[in-house]
Amino acid sequence: MKLVFLGPPGAGKGTQAARICEKLEIPHISTGDMLRSAIAKGTPTGLKAKSYVESGGLVPDEVLIEMVRERLHEADCTNGYLLDGFPRTVHQAEALNEISAPERVVNVYVADEKLLDRLTGRRVCRSCANTFHISALENDKVCPDCGGELYQRKDDSPETITNRLNVYHSQTAPLIDFYTALNTLVTVDGDQTPDRVTSAILTALGC
């Protein structure tokens, strides 16, 4: 099955993508992984992307699209794929339809106020790198697993998260309209336990 996952930061999209890929036996392809792989392999597109990455610039659409084309023609995509982080714009979505059109686009929906609570309440252990939510901690400074120091990531501040959500909504709203018009979009409630979200996705996909 050919899938695209949409979802705001903090919606648990990565966790769900890994579960669905294991179930359907298809590769999970994130934009970051794809970039790193193409650069490491030294593909023509990877070499183009490398120059932008090393200079701190954004990789242009045409390079990113060609990279997706290369990746989706690899052998492990014979039975489908799950794209995570691409497309981000309608232009990219149109290009993907020409390369290998997704059969379903899964929109993992969680309200902004829930996401703010999830992400601003997240704490990470400096020693073991495990993550926790303050609602489940007796002491939000000490890791319950190893006793290490817990800290809040800089990008988990309310201001940063609000900005990330605003950018996501401005980019994704047109994509939701685009895929709704093609009758390929399914929306699932991401504000449930991970197991329930997985079940809802599989049901929406008819699996």
N, C-alpha and C. Protein backbone atom coordinates (compact mmCIF):
# COMPACT_ATOMS: atom_id res chain seq x y z
N MET A 1 0.84 -1.20 0.00
CA MET A 1 0.00 0.00 0.00
C MET A 1 0.88 1.26 0.00
N LYS A 2 0.48 2.25 -0.77
CA LYS A 2 1.23 3.51 -0.86
C LYS A 2 0.55 4.54 0.05
N LEU A 3 1.30 4.99 1.06
CA LEU A 3 0.72 5.86 2.08
C LEU A 3 1.52 7.13 2.28
N VAL A 4 0.80 8.19 2.65
CA VAL A 4 1.41 9.43 3.13
C VAL A 4 0.80 9.71 4.50
N PHE A 5 1.66 10.07 5.46
CA PHE A 5 1.18 10.46 6.79
C PHE A 5 1.31 11.96 6.98
N LEU A 6 0.22 12.58 7.41
CA LEU A 6 0.24 13.98 7.80
C LEU A 6 -0.05 14.04 9.29
N GLY A 7 0.51 15.03 9.96
CA GLY A 7 0.24 15.18 11.39
C GLY A 7 1.13 16.24 11.98
N PRO A 8 0.61 17.04 12.91
CA PRO A 8 1.39 18.11 13.52
C PRO A 8 2.47 17.57 14.44
N PRO A 9 3.46 18.39 14.78
CA PRO A 9 4.50 17.94 15.72
C PRO A 9 3.87 17.56 17.05
N GLY A 10 4.26 16.38 17.55
CA GLY A 10 3.72 15.93 18.83
C GLY A 10 2.51 15.04 18.72
N ALA A 11 2.05 14.76 17.49
CA ALA A 11 0.84 13.95 17.31
C ALA A 11 1.12 12.45 17.42
N GLY A 12 2.40 12.08 17.51
CA GLY A 12 2.75 10.66 17.59
C GLY A 12 2.82 9.97 16.24
N LYS A 13 3.00 10.78 15.21
CA LYS A 13 3.01 10.29 13.83
C LYS A 13 4.14 9.28 13.59
N GLY A 14 5.32 9.58 14.13
CA GLY A 14 6.47 8.69 13.94
C GLY A 14 6.25 7.31 14.54
N THR A 15 5.68 7.28 15.75
CA THR A 15 5.37 6.01 16.42
C THR A 15 4.39 5.20 15.59
N GLN A 16 3.34 5.87 15.11
CA GLN A 16 2.32 5.18 14.34
C GLN A 16 2.86 4.71 12.98
N ALA A 17 3.70 5.53 12.36
CA ALA A 17 4.28 5.16 11.07
C ALA A 17 5.09 3.87 11.20
N ALA A 18 5.89 3.76 12.27
CA ALA A 18 6.70 2.56 12.48
C ALA A 18 5.82 1.33 12.66
N ARG A 19 4.73 1.48 13.40
CA ARG A 19 3.82 0.34 13.64
C ARG A 19 3.12 -0.10 12.35
N ILE A 20 2.63 0.88 11.60
CA ILE A 20 1.90 0.56 10.36
C ILE A 20 2.83 -0.08 9.34
N CYS A 21 4.06 0.42 9.25
CA CYS A 21 5.03 -0.15 8.30
C CYS A 21 5.35 -1.60 8.65
N GLU A 22 5.49 -1.88 9.93
CA GLU A 22 5.76 -3.26 10.36
C GLU A 22 4.59 -4.17 9.99
N LYS A 23 3.38 -3.67 10.21
CA LYS A 23 2.17 -4.45 9.92
C LYS A 23 2.03 -4.71 8.42
N LEU A 24 2.26 -3.69 7.61
CA LEU A 24 2.04 -3.80 6.17
C LEU A 24 3.29 -4.23 5.39
N GLU A 25 4.42 -4.30 6.12
CA GLU A 25 5.70 -4.69 5.51
C GLU A 25 6.09 -3.77 4.35
N ILE A 26 6.04 -2.48 4.63
CA ILE A 26 6.48 -1.47 3.67
C ILE A 26 7.50 -0.56 4.35
N PRO A 27 8.38 0.11 3.59
CA PRO A 27 9.39 0.97 4.21
C PRO A 27 8.83 2.29 4.72
N HIS A 28 9.33 2.74 5.87
CA HIS A 28 8.99 4.05 6.42
C HIS A 28 10.03 5.03 5.90
N ILE A 29 9.61 5.97 5.10
CA ILE A 29 10.54 6.92 4.47
C ILE A 29 10.27 8.32 4.98
N SER A 30 11.18 8.82 5.81
CA SER A 30 11.06 10.20 6.28
C SER A 30 11.98 11.08 5.44
N THR A 31 11.65 12.35 5.35
CA THR A 31 12.45 13.26 4.53
C THR A 31 13.89 13.29 5.01
N GLY A 32 14.08 13.36 6.34
CA GLY A 32 15.43 13.42 6.90
C GLY A 32 16.24 12.18 6.59
N ASP A 33 15.62 11.00 6.76
CA ASP A 33 16.31 9.74 6.48
C ASP A 33 16.68 9.65 5.00
N MET A 34 15.75 10.08 4.16
CA MET A 34 15.97 10.03 2.72
C MET A 34 17.14 10.92 2.31
N LEU A 35 17.18 12.11 2.90
CA LEU A 35 18.29 13.02 2.61
C LEU A 35 19.63 12.42 3.03
N ARG A 36 19.67 11.92 4.27
CA ARG A 36 20.92 11.35 4.79
C ARG A 36 21.37 10.15 3.96
N SER A 37 20.41 9.31 3.54
CA SER A 37 20.74 8.12 2.76
C SER A 37 21.30 8.51 1.38
N ALA A 38 20.63 9.45 0.72
CA ALA A 38 21.07 9.86 -0.62
C ALA A 38 22.45 10.50 -0.57
N ILE A 39 22.70 11.28 0.47
CA ILE A 39 24.01 11.93 0.62
C ILE A 39 25.08 10.88 0.90
N ALA A 40 24.75 9.92 1.79
CA ALA A 40 25.71 8.86 2.15
C ALA A 40 26.04 7.98 0.95
N LYS A 41 25.03 7.70 0.12
CA LYS A 41 25.25 6.84 -1.06
C LYS A 41 25.94 7.59 -2.19
N GLY A 42 25.95 8.91 -2.10
CA GLY A 42 26.60 9.71 -3.14
C GLY A 42 25.86 9.70 -4.46
N THR A 43 24.52 9.58 -4.39
CA THR A 43 23.72 9.62 -5.62
C THR A 43 23.82 11.03 -6.22
N PRO A 44 23.57 11.17 -7.54
CA PRO A 44 23.64 12.51 -8.14
C PRO A 44 22.77 13.54 -7.40
N THR A 45 21.56 13.12 -7.02
CA THR A 45 20.68 14.04 -6.30
C THR A 45 21.19 14.28 -4.89
N GLY A 46 21.76 13.22 -4.29
CA GLY A 46 22.32 13.37 -2.95
C GLY A 46 23.47 14.37 -2.92
N LEU A 47 24.29 14.36 -3.98
CA LEU A 47 25.41 15.30 -4.06
C LEU A 47 24.90 16.74 -4.21
N LYS A 48 23.80 16.90 -4.96
CA LYS A 48 23.20 18.23 -5.09
C LYS A 48 22.68 18.71 -3.74
N ALA A 49 21.98 17.80 -3.06
CA ALA A 49 21.40 18.15 -1.76
C ALA A 49 22.49 18.49 -0.74
N LYS A 50 23.60 17.76 -0.81
CA LYS A 50 24.68 17.95 0.16
C LYS A 50 25.19 19.39 0.17
N SER A 51 25.28 19.99 -1.01
CA SER A 51 25.81 21.36 -1.09
C SER A 51 24.88 22.33 -0.36
N TYR A 52 23.57 22.09 -0.44
CA TYR A 52 22.61 22.96 0.25
C TYR A 52 22.65 22.71 1.76
N VAL A 53 22.69 21.43 2.15
CA VAL A 53 22.70 21.08 3.57
C VAL A 53 23.94 21.65 4.26
N GLU A 54 25.10 21.50 3.60
CA GLU A 54 26.35 21.96 4.21
C GLU A 54 26.42 23.48 4.32
N SER A 55 25.71 24.17 3.44
CA SER A 55 25.73 25.64 3.49
C SER A 55 24.62 26.18 4.38
N GLY A 56 23.80 25.26 4.92
CA GLY A 56 22.72 25.67 5.82
C GLY A 56 21.47 26.12 5.10
N GLY A 57 21.40 25.89 3.78
CA GLY A 57 20.23 26.32 3.02
C GLY A 57 19.18 25.23 2.94
N LEU A 58 18.00 25.61 2.45
CA LEU A 58 16.92 24.65 2.25
C LEU A 58 17.13 23.93 0.93
N VAL A 59 16.89 22.63 0.94
CA VAL A 59 17.01 21.86 -0.29
C VAL A 59 15.84 22.23 -1.20
N PRO A 60 16.10 22.68 -2.44
CA PRO A 60 15.02 23.11 -3.34
C PRO A 60 14.06 21.97 -3.69
N ASP A 61 12.85 22.35 -4.02
CA ASP A 61 11.81 21.38 -4.37
C ASP A 61 12.26 20.40 -5.44
N GLU A 62 12.89 20.92 -6.51
CA GLU A 62 13.22 20.03 -7.62
C GLU A 62 14.21 18.94 -7.20
N VAL A 63 15.14 19.28 -6.27
CA VAL A 63 16.10 18.29 -5.78
C VAL A 63 15.40 17.28 -4.88
N LEU A 64 14.54 17.77 -4.00
CA LEU A 64 13.80 16.91 -3.08
C LEU A 64 12.88 15.95 -3.85
N ILE A 65 12.21 16.47 -4.86
CA ILE A 65 11.30 15.65 -5.67
C ILE A 65 12.07 14.56 -6.41
N GLU A 66 13.22 14.92 -6.96
CA GLU A 66 14.02 13.92 -7.66
C GLU A 66 14.53 12.85 -6.69
N MET A 67 14.82 13.27 -5.46
CA MET A 67 15.27 12.33 -4.43
C MET A 67 14.16 11.34 -4.08
N VAL A 68 12.93 11.85 -3.99
CA VAL A 68 11.77 10.98 -3.74
C VAL A 68 11.60 9.99 -4.90
N ARG A 69 11.78 10.49 -6.11
CA ARG A 69 11.66 9.62 -7.29
C ARG A 69 12.67 8.47 -7.19
N GLU A 70 13.93 8.81 -6.88
CA GLU A 70 14.97 7.79 -6.74
C GLU A 70 14.60 6.77 -5.66
N ARG A 71 14.15 7.29 -4.51
CA ARG A 71 13.88 6.41 -3.36
C ARG A 71 12.70 5.48 -3.65
N LEU A 72 11.65 5.99 -4.27
CA LEU A 72 10.46 5.17 -4.50
C LEU A 72 10.65 4.13 -5.61
N HIS A 73 11.75 4.26 -6.34
CA HIS A 73 12.05 3.25 -7.36
C HIS A 73 13.01 2.19 -6.85
N GLU A 74 13.37 2.25 -5.56
CA GLU A 74 14.22 1.21 -4.98
C GLU A 74 13.38 -0.05 -4.73
N ALA A 75 14.07 -1.18 -4.64
CA ALA A 75 13.40 -2.49 -4.60
C ALA A 75 12.45 -2.66 -3.42
N ASP A 76 12.78 -2.05 -2.28
CA ASP A 76 11.94 -2.28 -1.09
C ASP A 76 10.59 -1.56 -1.17
N CYS A 77 10.40 -0.74 -2.20
CA CYS A 77 9.12 -0.03 -2.36
C CYS A 77 8.17 -0.75 -3.33
N THR A 78 8.54 -1.97 -3.72
CA THR A 78 7.72 -2.73 -4.67
C THR A 78 6.28 -2.91 -4.18
N ASN A 79 6.14 -3.16 -2.87
CA ASN A 79 4.81 -3.40 -2.30
C ASN A 79 4.19 -2.15 -1.68
N GLY A 80 4.84 -1.00 -1.87
CA GLY A 80 4.31 0.24 -1.33
C GLY A 80 5.33 0.99 -0.49
N TYR A 81 4.86 2.02 0.17
CA TYR A 81 5.74 2.88 0.97
C TYR A 81 4.89 3.67 1.96
N LEU A 82 5.56 4.24 2.94
CA LEU A 82 4.91 5.22 3.82
C LEU A 82 5.81 6.44 3.89
N LEU A 83 5.34 7.53 3.31
CA LEU A 83 6.10 8.78 3.29
C LEU A 83 5.71 9.65 4.48
N ASP A 84 6.70 10.13 5.21
CA ASP A 84 6.50 10.92 6.42
C ASP A 84 7.34 12.20 6.29
N GLY A 85 6.68 13.35 6.19
CA GLY A 85 7.42 14.60 6.02
C GLY A 85 7.47 15.08 4.57
N PHE A 86 6.90 14.31 3.68
CA PHE A 86 6.79 14.68 2.26
C PHE A 86 5.49 14.07 1.76
N PRO A 87 4.69 14.83 1.02
CA PRO A 87 4.89 16.23 0.59
C PRO A 87 4.53 17.23 1.69
N ARG A 88 5.10 18.42 1.57
CA ARG A 88 4.78 19.52 2.49
C ARG A 88 4.00 20.63 1.80
N THR A 89 3.98 20.59 0.48
CA THR A 89 3.27 21.62 -0.29
C THR A 89 2.44 20.96 -1.38
N VAL A 90 1.49 21.68 -1.94
CA VAL A 90 0.66 21.15 -3.03
C VAL A 90 1.53 20.85 -4.25
N HIS A 91 2.54 21.70 -4.50
CA HIS A 91 3.44 21.46 -5.63
C HIS A 91 4.13 20.10 -5.47
N GLN A 92 4.60 19.81 -4.27
CA GLN A 92 5.24 18.52 -4.00
C GLN A 92 4.24 17.37 -4.14
N ALA A 93 3.00 17.59 -3.68
CA ALA A 93 1.96 16.56 -3.77
C ALA A 93 1.64 16.24 -5.23
N GLU A 94 1.59 17.27 -6.07
CA GLU A 94 1.33 17.06 -7.50
C GLU A 94 2.46 16.27 -8.14
N ALA A 95 3.69 16.58 -7.73
CA ALA A 95 4.85 15.85 -8.26
C ALA A 95 4.82 14.39 -7.81
N LEU A 96 4.44 14.16 -6.55
CA LEU A 96 4.36 12.78 -6.03
C LEU A 96 3.32 11.98 -6.80
N ASN A 97 2.20 12.60 -7.14
CA ASN A 97 1.16 11.91 -7.91
C ASN A 97 1.68 11.44 -9.26
N GLU A 98 2.60 12.20 -9.84
CA GLU A 98 3.17 11.82 -11.13
C GLU A 98 4.19 10.69 -10.98
N ILE A 99 4.89 10.68 -9.81
CA ILE A 99 5.91 9.65 -9.57
C ILE A 99 5.27 8.33 -9.16
N SER A 100 4.45 8.38 -8.12
CA SER A 100 3.80 7.18 -7.58
C SER A 100 2.71 7.65 -6.62
N ALA A 101 1.51 7.79 -7.13
CA ALA A 101 0.42 8.40 -6.36
C ALA A 101 0.06 7.57 -5.13
N PRO A 102 -0.05 8.21 -3.95
CA PRO A 102 -0.47 7.48 -2.75
C PRO A 102 -1.92 7.02 -2.85
N GLU A 103 -2.17 5.83 -2.30
CA GLU A 103 -3.53 5.31 -2.29
C GLU A 103 -4.34 5.90 -1.14
N ARG A 104 -3.66 6.17 -0.03
CA ARG A 104 -4.32 6.77 1.13
C ARG A 104 -3.39 7.79 1.79
N VAL A 105 -3.97 8.87 2.28
CA VAL A 105 -3.24 9.89 3.03
C VAL A 105 -3.88 9.93 4.41
N VAL A 106 -3.10 9.58 5.43
CA VAL A 106 -3.61 9.50 6.80
C VAL A 106 -3.27 10.79 7.54
N ASN A 107 -4.30 11.48 7.98
CA ASN A 107 -4.13 12.72 8.75
C ASN A 107 -4.36 12.39 10.24
N VAL A 108 -3.28 12.40 11.03
CA VAL A 108 -3.38 12.13 12.46
C VAL A 108 -3.69 13.46 13.16
N TYR A 109 -4.93 13.61 13.60
CA TYR A 109 -5.39 14.90 14.14
C TYR A 109 -5.33 14.92 15.67
N VAL A 110 -4.70 15.98 16.19
CA VAL A 110 -4.73 16.28 17.62
C VAL A 110 -4.88 17.79 17.74
N ALA A 111 -5.80 18.26 18.59
CA ALA A 111 -6.04 19.70 18.77
C ALA A 111 -4.78 20.39 19.30
N ASP A 112 -4.61 21.66 18.90
CA ASP A 112 -3.41 22.40 19.28
C ASP A 112 -3.20 22.46 20.79
N GLU A 113 -4.29 22.67 21.56
CA GLU A 113 -4.12 22.79 23.01
C GLU A 113 -3.61 21.49 23.62
N LYS A 114 -4.01 20.35 23.06
CA LYS A 114 -3.52 19.05 23.52
C LYS A 114 -2.03 18.90 23.19
N LEU A 115 -1.65 19.33 21.99
CA LEU A 115 -0.25 19.25 21.57
C LEU A 115 0.63 20.13 22.44
N LEU A 116 0.15 21.32 22.75
CA LEU A 116 0.91 22.22 23.62
C LEU A 116 1.16 21.58 24.97
N ASP A 117 0.12 20.93 25.51
CA ASP A 117 0.28 20.26 26.80
C ASP A 117 1.27 19.10 26.69
N ARG A 118 1.14 18.31 25.63
CA ARG A 118 2.05 17.17 25.44
C ARG A 118 3.50 17.61 25.38
N LEU A 119 3.76 18.63 24.54
CA LEU A 119 5.14 19.00 24.26
C LEU A 119 5.77 19.88 25.33
N THR A 120 5.00 20.81 25.88
CA THR A 120 5.58 21.64 26.94
C THR A 120 5.79 20.84 28.22
N GLY A 121 5.03 19.74 28.38
CA GLY A 121 5.18 18.89 29.56
C GLY A 121 6.21 17.79 29.39
N ARG A 122 6.84 17.74 28.23
CA ARG A 122 7.81 16.68 27.96
C ARG A 122 9.14 16.98 28.66
N ARG A 123 9.72 15.96 29.26
CA ARG A 123 11.03 16.07 29.89
C ARG A 123 11.92 14.93 29.40
N VAL A 124 13.21 15.22 29.23
CA VAL A 124 14.16 14.25 28.71
C VAL A 124 15.27 14.05 29.73
N CYS A 125 15.71 12.79 29.89
CA CYS A 125 16.79 12.49 30.83
C CYS A 125 18.14 12.71 30.16
N ARG A 126 19.02 13.44 30.82
CA ARG A 126 20.36 13.70 30.27
C ARG A 126 21.21 12.44 30.24
N SER A 127 20.90 11.49 31.11
CA SER A 127 21.73 10.28 31.21
C SER A 127 21.27 9.17 30.27
N CYS A 128 19.99 8.79 30.34
CA CYS A 128 19.52 7.65 29.55
C CYS A 128 18.71 8.05 28.32
N ALA A 129 18.40 9.35 28.21
CA ALA A 129 17.68 9.92 27.05
C ALA A 129 16.22 9.49 26.96
N ASN A 130 15.69 8.83 27.98
CA ASN A 130 14.26 8.48 27.98
C ASN A 130 13.43 9.74 28.15
N THR A 131 12.20 9.72 27.61
CA THR A 131 11.33 10.89 27.71
C THR A 131 10.11 10.58 28.58
N PHE A 132 9.63 11.61 29.27
CA PHE A 132 8.50 11.46 30.19
C PHE A 132 7.62 12.70 30.08
N HIS A 133 6.39 12.59 30.60
CA HIS A 133 5.52 13.75 30.72
C HIS A 133 5.39 14.08 32.19
N ILE A 134 5.39 15.38 32.50
CA ILE A 134 5.39 15.79 33.91
C ILE A 134 4.18 15.28 34.67
N SER A 135 3.08 15.00 33.96
CA SER A 135 1.88 14.50 34.63
C SER A 135 2.09 13.11 35.23
N ALA A 136 3.11 12.40 34.71
CA ALA A 136 3.37 11.03 35.19
C ALA A 136 4.57 10.97 36.13
N LEU A 137 5.10 12.15 36.50
CA LEU A 137 6.30 12.19 37.34
C LEU A 137 6.00 12.69 38.75
N GLU A 138 6.61 12.05 39.73
CA GLU A 138 6.53 12.57 41.10
C GLU A 138 7.48 13.74 41.26
N ASN A 139 8.62 13.67 40.59
CA ASN A 139 9.63 14.74 40.63
C ASN A 139 10.05 15.02 39.20
N ASP A 140 9.74 16.23 38.69
CA ASP A 140 10.03 16.53 37.29
C ASP A 140 11.49 16.94 37.04
N LYS A 141 12.33 16.75 38.06
CA LYS A 141 13.77 17.04 37.91
C LYS A 141 14.61 15.77 37.89
N VAL A 142 14.03 14.64 38.31
CA VAL A 142 14.80 13.40 38.45
C VAL A 142 14.18 12.28 37.62
N CYS A 143 15.02 11.60 36.83
CA CYS A 143 14.57 10.49 36.00
C CYS A 143 14.16 9.30 36.87
N PRO A 144 12.92 8.80 36.71
CA PRO A 144 12.48 7.66 37.51
C PRO A 144 13.16 6.35 37.10
N ASP A 145 13.79 6.33 35.93
CA ASP A 145 14.44 5.10 35.46
C ASP A 145 15.88 4.96 35.94
N CYS A 146 16.63 6.08 35.85
CA CYS A 146 18.07 5.96 36.18
C CYS A 146 18.54 6.97 37.22
N GLY A 147 17.66 7.91 37.61
CA GLY A 147 18.06 8.91 38.60
C GLY A 147 18.79 10.10 38.00
N GLY A 148 18.90 10.13 36.67
CA GLY A 148 19.57 11.24 36.00
C GLY A 148 18.75 12.51 36.04
N GLU A 149 19.35 13.60 35.55
CA GLU A 149 18.67 14.90 35.55
C GLU A 149 17.71 14.99 34.37
N LEU A 150 16.49 15.43 34.66
CA LEU A 150 15.51 15.67 33.60
C LEU A 150 15.57 17.13 33.17
N TYR A 151 15.41 17.37 31.87
CA TYR A 151 15.42 18.75 31.38
C TYR A 151 14.37 18.92 30.29
N GLN A 152 14.02 20.17 30.02
CA GLN A 152 13.08 20.50 28.95
C GLN A 152 13.86 20.96 27.74
N ARG A 153 13.62 20.35 26.58
CA ARG A 153 14.30 20.76 25.36
C ARG A 153 13.91 22.20 25.00
N LYS A 154 14.86 22.92 24.42
CA LYS A 154 14.59 24.32 24.04
C LYS A 154 13.43 24.43 23.07
N ASP A 155 13.32 23.44 22.16
CA ASP A 155 12.24 23.51 21.17
C ASP A 155 10.90 23.05 21.73
N ASP A 156 10.85 22.75 23.04
CA ASP A 156 9.59 22.41 23.69
C ASP A 156 9.00 23.59 24.47
N SER A 157 9.52 24.78 24.22
CA SER A 157 8.96 25.97 24.88
C SER A 157 7.64 26.33 24.20
N PRO A 158 6.70 26.94 24.93
CA PRO A 158 5.40 27.29 24.34
C PRO A 158 5.52 28.15 23.09
N GLU A 159 6.46 29.10 23.10
CA GLU A 159 6.61 30.01 21.95
C GLU A 159 7.05 29.23 20.70
N THR A 160 8.05 28.36 20.89
CA THR A 160 8.57 27.59 19.76
C THR A 160 7.52 26.63 19.21
N ILE A 161 6.81 25.97 20.12
CA ILE A 161 5.79 25.01 19.69
C ILE A 161 4.66 25.71 18.95
N THR A 162 4.22 26.86 19.47
CA THR A 162 3.16 27.62 18.81
C THR A 162 3.57 28.01 17.40
N ASN A 163 4.83 28.43 17.25
CA ASN A 163 5.33 28.80 15.93
C ASN A 163 5.36 27.60 14.99
N ARG A 164 5.83 26.45 15.51
CA ARG A 164 5.88 25.23 14.69
C ARG A 164 4.48 24.81 14.25
N LEU A 165 3.53 24.94 15.14
CA LEU A 165 2.15 24.57 14.81
C LEU A 165 1.57 25.51 13.75
N ASN A 166 1.87 26.81 13.89
CA ASN A 166 1.39 27.78 12.90
C ASN A 166 1.95 27.48 11.51
N VAL A 167 3.25 27.15 11.47
CA VAL A 167 3.88 26.81 10.19
C VAL A 167 3.26 25.54 9.63
N TYR A 168 3.05 24.56 10.49
CA TYR A 168 2.45 23.29 10.04
C TYR A 168 1.07 23.54 9.45
N HIS A 169 0.24 24.29 10.15
CA HIS A 169 -1.12 24.52 9.67
C HIS A 169 -1.12 25.29 8.34
N SER A 170 -0.24 26.26 8.21
CA SER A 170 -0.22 27.05 6.97
C SER A 170 0.22 26.18 5.79
N GLN A 171 1.11 25.20 6.06
CA GLN A 171 1.58 24.33 4.98
C GLN A 171 0.59 23.20 4.69
N THR A 172 -0.04 22.69 5.75
CA THR A 172 -0.81 21.46 5.62
C THR A 172 -2.27 21.68 5.23
N ALA A 173 -2.84 22.80 5.61
CA ALA A 173 -4.25 23.04 5.25
C ALA A 173 -4.50 22.86 3.75
N PRO A 174 -3.65 23.42 2.88
CA PRO A 174 -3.87 23.20 1.44
C PRO A 174 -3.73 21.73 1.04
N LEU A 175 -2.84 20.99 1.72
CA LEU A 175 -2.67 19.57 1.40
C LEU A 175 -3.92 18.77 1.77
N ILE A 176 -4.52 19.11 2.92
CA ILE A 176 -5.74 18.43 3.35
C ILE A 176 -6.84 18.65 2.31
N ASP A 177 -6.96 19.88 1.83
CA ASP A 177 -7.96 20.19 0.79
C ASP A 177 -7.64 19.43 -0.51
N PHE A 178 -6.35 19.38 -0.85
CA PHE A 178 -5.89 18.73 -2.08
C PHE A 178 -6.26 17.24 -2.06
N TYR A 179 -5.93 16.56 -0.97
CA TYR A 179 -6.18 15.12 -0.90
C TYR A 179 -7.66 14.80 -0.63
N THR A 180 -8.36 15.71 0.03
CA THR A 180 -9.81 15.52 0.20
C THR A 180 -10.50 15.53 -1.16
N ALA A 181 -10.08 16.45 -2.03
CA ALA A 181 -10.66 16.54 -3.37
C ALA A 181 -10.39 15.28 -4.19
N LEU A 182 -9.27 14.61 -3.89
CA LEU A 182 -8.93 13.37 -4.60
C LEU A 182 -9.55 12.15 -3.95
N ASN A 183 -10.24 12.38 -2.80
CA ASN A 183 -10.91 11.30 -2.07
C ASN A 183 -9.93 10.25 -1.53
N THR A 184 -8.72 10.71 -1.16
CA THR A 184 -7.72 9.78 -0.61
C THR A 184 -7.42 10.05 0.86
N LEU A 185 -7.95 11.15 1.41
CA LEU A 185 -7.63 11.52 2.80
C LEU A 185 -8.52 10.78 3.79
N VAL A 186 -7.89 10.23 4.84
CA VAL A 186 -8.62 9.71 5.99
C VAL A 186 -8.05 10.38 7.24
N THR A 187 -8.92 10.83 8.12
CA THR A 187 -8.49 11.50 9.35
C THR A 187 -8.79 10.60 10.54
N VAL A 188 -7.79 10.44 11.41
CA VAL A 188 -7.99 9.65 12.62
C VAL A 188 -7.70 10.52 13.84
N ASP A 189 -8.35 10.20 14.95
CA ASP A 189 -8.17 10.93 16.20
C ASP A 189 -6.87 10.48 16.86
N GLY A 190 -5.90 11.37 16.93
CA GLY A 190 -4.61 11.05 17.53
C GLY A 190 -4.58 11.25 19.04
N ASP A 191 -5.69 11.73 19.61
CA ASP A 191 -5.74 11.98 21.05
C ASP A 191 -6.32 10.76 21.77
N GLN A 192 -5.69 9.61 21.57
CA GLN A 192 -6.06 8.36 22.20
C GLN A 192 -4.78 7.64 22.60
N THR A 193 -4.90 6.49 23.23
CA THR A 193 -3.71 5.69 23.52
C THR A 193 -3.08 5.27 22.19
N PRO A 194 -1.77 5.06 22.17
CA PRO A 194 -1.11 4.65 20.93
C PRO A 194 -1.75 3.42 20.28
N ASP A 195 -2.15 2.44 21.11
CA ASP A 195 -2.77 1.23 20.56
C ASP A 195 -4.08 1.54 19.86
N ARG A 196 -4.88 2.44 20.45
CA ARG A 196 -6.16 2.80 19.84
C ARG A 196 -5.96 3.58 18.54
N VAL A 197 -4.94 4.42 18.52
CA VAL A 197 -4.65 5.17 17.29
C VAL A 197 -4.25 4.20 16.17
N THR A 198 -3.37 3.24 16.52
CA THR A 198 -2.95 2.25 15.53
C THR A 198 -4.15 1.50 14.98
N SER A 199 -5.04 1.08 15.88
CA SER A 199 -6.25 0.35 15.47
C SER A 199 -7.13 1.19 14.56
N ALA A 200 -7.26 2.49 14.90
CA ALA A 200 -8.08 3.38 14.09
C ALA A 200 -7.50 3.57 12.69
N ILE A 201 -6.18 3.66 12.61
CA ILE A 201 -5.52 3.81 11.31
C ILE A 201 -5.73 2.57 10.46
N LEU A 202 -5.51 1.40 11.05
CA LEU A 202 -5.67 0.14 10.31
C LEU A 202 -7.12 -0.02 9.82
N THR A 203 -8.08 0.37 10.68
CA THR A 203 -9.49 0.29 10.28
C THR A 203 -9.77 1.24 9.12
N ALA A 204 -9.22 2.47 9.20
CA ALA A 204 -9.42 3.46 8.14
C ALA A 204 -8.81 2.99 6.82
N LEU A 205 -7.74 2.20 6.92
CA LEU A 205 -7.09 1.70 5.72
C LEU A 205 -7.71 0.41 5.20
N GLY A 206 -8.67 -0.13 5.98
CA GLY A 206 -9.33 -1.37 5.59
C GLY A 206 -8.46 -2.59 5.80
N CYS A 207 -7.52 -2.49 6.76
CA CYS A 207 -6.62 -3.61 7.03
C CYS A 207 -7.10 -4.42 8.24
